[in-house]
């Protein structure tokens, strides 16, 4: 049995699956209480299906980018469970989960995720791309220009805010979906495939995907001071 954890943003999710098939899931809006709510949600879900943590074979976890503290809570919890049970862990970039439903369309995909303080993360994928080590760009969406073309898919939790703010135009390829936009089935499919391929992580060294926001904030403060 597999445990899935995604606390990348305000929407937190946990899942149990069996050989890559979803068994149980829970998604909720957490108001910065991931550290308080996550373990009880996992324990309740495991108990509800009549299982125990000892029944787990692997842990899947969304590794970011996202909210600094919430991503850290999810990854740290997943690492603790995997290490304690001595089972593998698979870190899955959050943007890979958002992009997964469109990965067979052979087109460019841009994923936008909330970064807070009027900012979004942008992660671009080329056609049929399988490499998950994509560059993460931090954008101030009220100030920076966001360039997209009509043939590329635009998706992710921040798309609704970008459309509402008039930063990007709504169109058939702009997936303006009410959050939560990440599918647990997508995370399970990605995690199971990587687990079967042996593409697992070392729980001792797996780290969340962060953009150095503290450095960016310092640079922004200096820029405003010098204006």
Protein backbone atom coordinates (compact mmCIF):
# COMPACT_ATOMS: atom_id res chain seq x y z
CA UNK A 1 0.00 0.00 0.00
CA UNK A 2 1.17 3.55 -0.81
CA UNK A 3 0.72 6.78 1.16
CA UNK A 4 0.53 10.05 -0.75
CA UNK A 5 1.09 13.48 0.83
CA UNK A 6 0.72 16.89 -0.84
CA UNK A 7 0.90 20.05 1.29
CA UNK A 8 2.40 22.28 -1.39
CA UNK A 9 -0.15 25.07 -0.96
CA UNK A 10 -3.15 25.94 1.19
CA UNK A 11 -4.87 22.85 -0.20
CA UNK A 12 -3.57 19.76 1.55
CA UNK A 13 -4.18 16.21 0.38
CA UNK A 14 -3.46 12.70 1.59
CA UNK A 15 -4.18 9.42 -0.14
CA UNK A 16 -3.86 5.67 0.19
CA UNK A 17 -3.42 3.55 -2.90
CA UNK A 18 -2.81 -0.10 -3.67
CA UNK A 19 -0.46 -0.92 -6.54
CA UNK A 20 -1.09 2.51 -8.01
CA UNK A 21 -4.88 2.38 -7.67
CA UNK A 22 -6.56 4.96 -5.42
CA UNK A 23 -8.19 3.48 -2.32
CA UNK A 24 -8.93 6.51 -0.14
CA UNK A 25 -8.29 10.25 -0.32
CA UNK A 26 -8.87 13.46 1.58
CA UNK A 27 -8.36 17.06 0.47
CA UNK A 28 -8.99 20.12 2.59
CA UNK A 29 -8.19 23.82 2.75
CA UNK A 30 -5.67 24.31 5.53
CA UNK A 31 -5.25 27.82 6.90
CA UNK A 32 -1.55 27.48 7.66
CA UNK A 33 -2.26 24.58 10.00
CA UNK A 34 -0.59 21.83 8.01
CA UNK A 35 1.67 20.86 10.91
CA UNK A 36 -1.36 20.36 13.18
CA UNK A 37 -3.71 18.72 10.70
CA UNK A 38 -1.53 16.44 8.59
CA UNK A 39 -0.71 13.54 10.93
CA UNK A 40 -4.28 13.23 12.30
CA UNK A 41 -5.59 13.17 8.71
CA UNK A 42 -3.17 10.37 7.82
CA UNK A 43 -3.98 8.37 10.96
CA UNK A 44 -7.73 8.74 10.43
CA UNK A 45 -7.53 7.69 6.80
CA UNK A 46 -5.40 4.62 7.52
CA UNK A 47 -7.76 3.60 10.32
CA UNK A 48 -10.84 4.10 8.12
CA UNK A 49 -9.62 1.56 5.57
CA UNK A 50 -8.76 -0.96 8.29
CA UNK A 51 -5.03 -0.73 7.66
CA UNK A 52 -1.97 0.25 9.69
CA UNK A 53 1.14 2.27 8.90
CA UNK A 54 3.09 -0.99 8.90
CA UNK A 55 1.14 -1.95 5.77
CA UNK A 56 2.82 0.83 3.76
CA UNK A 57 5.36 -0.07 1.09
CA UNK A 58 6.30 3.42 -0.10
CA UNK A 59 5.53 7.09 0.53
CA UNK A 60 4.84 9.57 -2.28
CA UNK A 61 5.25 13.26 -1.45
CA UNK A 62 4.83 16.47 -3.43
CA UNK A 63 8.19 18.20 -3.06
CA UNK A 64 7.30 21.74 -4.20
CA UNK A 65 7.67 24.47 -5.08
CA UNK A 66 4.89 26.02 -3.03
CA UNK A 67 4.45 27.67 0.32
CA UNK A 68 7.79 27.46 2.15
CA UNK A 69 6.41 26.21 5.47
CA UNK A 70 3.67 23.93 4.12
CA UNK A 71 5.98 22.13 1.66
CA UNK A 72 8.47 21.63 4.48
CA UNK A 73 5.76 20.08 6.70
CA UNK A 74 4.72 17.59 4.03
CA UNK A 75 8.23 16.55 3.07
CA UNK A 76 9.42 16.31 6.68
CA UNK A 77 6.42 14.19 7.65
CA UNK A 78 6.87 11.91 4.64
CA UNK A 79 10.57 11.49 5.40
CA UNK A 80 9.82 10.68 9.03
CA UNK A 81 7.30 8.00 8.12
CA UNK A 82 9.52 6.47 5.43
CA UNK A 83 12.58 6.51 7.68
CA UNK A 84 10.70 5.09 10.65
CA UNK A 85 9.19 2.26 8.63
CA UNK A 86 12.38 1.77 6.57
CA UNK A 87 10.46 2.02 3.30
CA UNK A 88 11.23 3.98 0.09
CA UNK A 89 10.13 7.54 -0.52
CA UNK A 90 9.42 9.18 -3.89
CA UNK A 91 9.55 12.97 -4.11
CA UNK A 92 7.41 14.34 -6.93
CA UNK A 93 7.71 17.99 -8.03
CA UNK A 94 4.37 19.71 -7.50
CA UNK A 95 4.41 21.11 -11.03
CA UNK A 96 4.75 17.55 -12.41
CA UNK A 97 1.46 16.70 -10.70
CA UNK A 98 -0.29 19.74 -12.19
CA UNK A 99 1.10 19.00 -15.64
CA UNK A 100 0.42 15.24 -15.64
CA UNK A 101 -3.15 15.31 -17.14
CA UNK A 102 -1.76 17.12 -20.21
CA UNK A 103 1.54 15.26 -20.56
CA UNK A 104 0.34 13.12 -23.49
CA UNK A 105 -0.80 16.07 -25.61
CA UNK A 106 2.65 16.67 -27.13
CA UNK A 107 2.52 20.40 -26.51
CA UNK A 108 4.28 22.92 -24.32
CA UNK A 109 2.86 23.32 -20.83
CA UNK A 110 3.34 26.16 -18.37
CA UNK A 111 2.43 25.54 -14.74
CA UNK A 112 1.70 28.42 -12.37
CA UNK A 113 1.70 27.88 -8.60
CA UNK A 114 1.08 30.35 -5.76
CA UNK A 115 4.16 31.82 -4.12
CA UNK A 116 2.48 34.42 -1.90
CA UNK A 117 2.91 38.21 -1.71
CA UNK A 118 1.62 38.80 -5.21
CA UNK A 119 3.98 36.26 -6.72
CA UNK A 120 3.64 32.99 -8.63
CA UNK A 121 6.03 30.23 -9.56
CA UNK A 122 6.26 29.43 -13.26
CA UNK A 123 7.58 26.07 -14.49
CA UNK A 124 7.74 25.40 -18.25
CA UNK A 125 7.71 22.00 -19.96
CA UNK A 126 8.64 21.33 -23.57
CA UNK A 127 6.78 18.92 -25.84
CA UNK A 128 6.84 15.29 -24.61
CA UNK A 129 9.33 16.27 -21.92
CA UNK A 130 10.08 13.67 -19.25
CA UNK A 131 12.85 15.53 -17.39
CA UNK A 132 11.53 16.76 -14.05
CA UNK A 133 14.47 19.05 -13.21
CA UNK A 134 12.82 22.15 -14.59
CA UNK A 135 13.83 25.72 -13.82
CA UNK A 136 11.47 27.45 -11.41
CA UNK A 137 10.87 31.12 -12.15
CA UNK A 138 9.45 33.47 -9.51
CA UNK A 139 7.19 36.14 -11.02
CA UNK A 140 5.53 39.23 -9.54
CA UNK A 141 2.34 38.89 -11.55
CA UNK A 142 1.17 42.49 -11.10
CA UNK A 143 4.51 43.79 -12.36
CA UNK A 144 6.25 41.25 -14.58
CA UNK A 145 5.02 40.38 -18.06
CA UNK A 146 3.81 36.81 -18.47
CA UNK A 147 4.33 35.66 -22.05
CA UNK A 148 2.38 32.65 -23.34
CA UNK A 149 1.33 31.58 -26.83
CA UNK A 150 -2.01 30.27 -27.99
CA UNK A 151 -0.89 26.67 -28.55
CA UNK A 152 0.54 25.98 -25.11
CA UNK A 153 -1.38 24.61 -22.15
CA UNK A 154 -1.49 26.90 -19.12
CA UNK A 155 -2.45 25.19 -15.88
CA UNK A 156 -1.94 25.20 -12.13
CA UNK A 157 -3.50 26.53 -8.96
CA UNK A 158 -2.64 30.17 -9.73
CA UNK A 159 -4.28 30.31 -13.17
CA UNK A 160 -7.63 31.44 -11.79
CA UNK A 161 -6.00 34.38 -9.99
CA UNK A 162 -3.98 35.32 -13.08
CA UNK A 163 -7.08 35.34 -15.27
CA UNK A 164 -9.10 37.29 -12.67
CA UNK A 165 -6.32 39.89 -12.45
CA UNK A 166 -6.27 40.25 -16.25
CA UNK A 167 -2.64 39.16 -16.42
CA UNK A 168 -3.43 36.37 -18.88
CA UNK A 169 -6.47 35.97 -21.11
CA UNK A 170 -8.87 33.09 -20.70
CA UNK A 171 -8.90 30.64 -23.62
CA UNK A 172 -9.45 26.98 -24.43
CA UNK A 173 -5.84 26.16 -23.53
CA UNK A 174 -5.86 28.17 -20.29
CA UNK A 175 -7.15 25.73 -17.68
CA UNK A 176 -9.05 28.17 -15.52
CA UNK A 177 -10.14 25.64 -12.89
CA UNK A 178 -11.38 26.37 -9.38
CA UNK A 179 -8.77 25.09 -6.88
CA UNK A 180 -7.76 22.57 -5.76
CA UNK A 181 -6.34 21.79 -9.20
CA UNK A 182 -3.94 18.95 -8.36
CA UNK A 183 -5.28 15.43 -8.75
CA UNK A 184 -4.28 12.79 -6.23
CA UNK A 185 -4.66 10.23 -9.01
CA UNK A 186 -1.98 12.11 -10.95
CA UNK A 187 0.40 12.03 -7.99
CA UNK A 188 -0.27 8.32 -7.44
CA UNK A 189 0.30 7.51 -11.12
CA UNK A 190 3.59 9.42 -11.17
CA UNK A 191 4.73 8.00 -7.85
CA UNK A 192 3.86 4.41 -8.68
CA UNK A 193 5.60 4.58 -12.05
CA UNK A 194 8.77 6.00 -10.54
CA UNK A 195 8.66 3.50 -7.67
CA UNK A 196 8.39 0.58 -10.11
CA UNK A 197 11.26 2.03 -12.14
CA UNK A 198 13.39 2.21 -9.00
CA UNK A 199 13.50 6.01 -9.14
CA UNK A 200 13.21 6.43 -5.38
CA UNK A 201 14.81 9.03 -3.12
CA UNK A 202 16.97 8.77 -0.05
CA UNK A 203 14.82 9.99 2.87
CA UNK A 204 17.95 11.34 4.53
CA UNK A 205 18.74 13.76 1.71
CA UNK A 206 15.39 14.51 0.02
CA UNK A 207 14.71 18.23 0.30
CA UNK A 208 11.80 20.45 -0.76
CA UNK A 209 12.14 22.41 -3.98
CA UNK A 210 12.57 26.03 -2.93
CA UNK A 211 13.24 29.25 -4.72
CA UNK A 212 15.49 31.39 -2.55
CA UNK A 213 12.66 33.79 -1.70
CA UNK A 214 14.56 35.40 1.17
CA UNK A 215 17.27 36.53 -1.24
CA UNK A 216 14.68 37.72 -3.74
CA UNK A 217 12.81 39.65 -1.03
CA UNK A 218 16.05 41.33 0.05
CA UNK A 219 16.80 42.35 -3.53
CA UNK A 220 13.26 43.68 -3.94
CA UNK A 221 13.50 45.76 -0.76
CA UNK A 222 16.79 47.23 -1.97
CA UNK A 223 15.26 48.06 -5.34
CA UNK A 224 12.27 49.85 -3.74
CA UNK A 225 14.58 51.74 -1.37
CA UNK A 226 16.62 53.07 -4.28
CA UNK A 227 13.66 54.21 -6.34
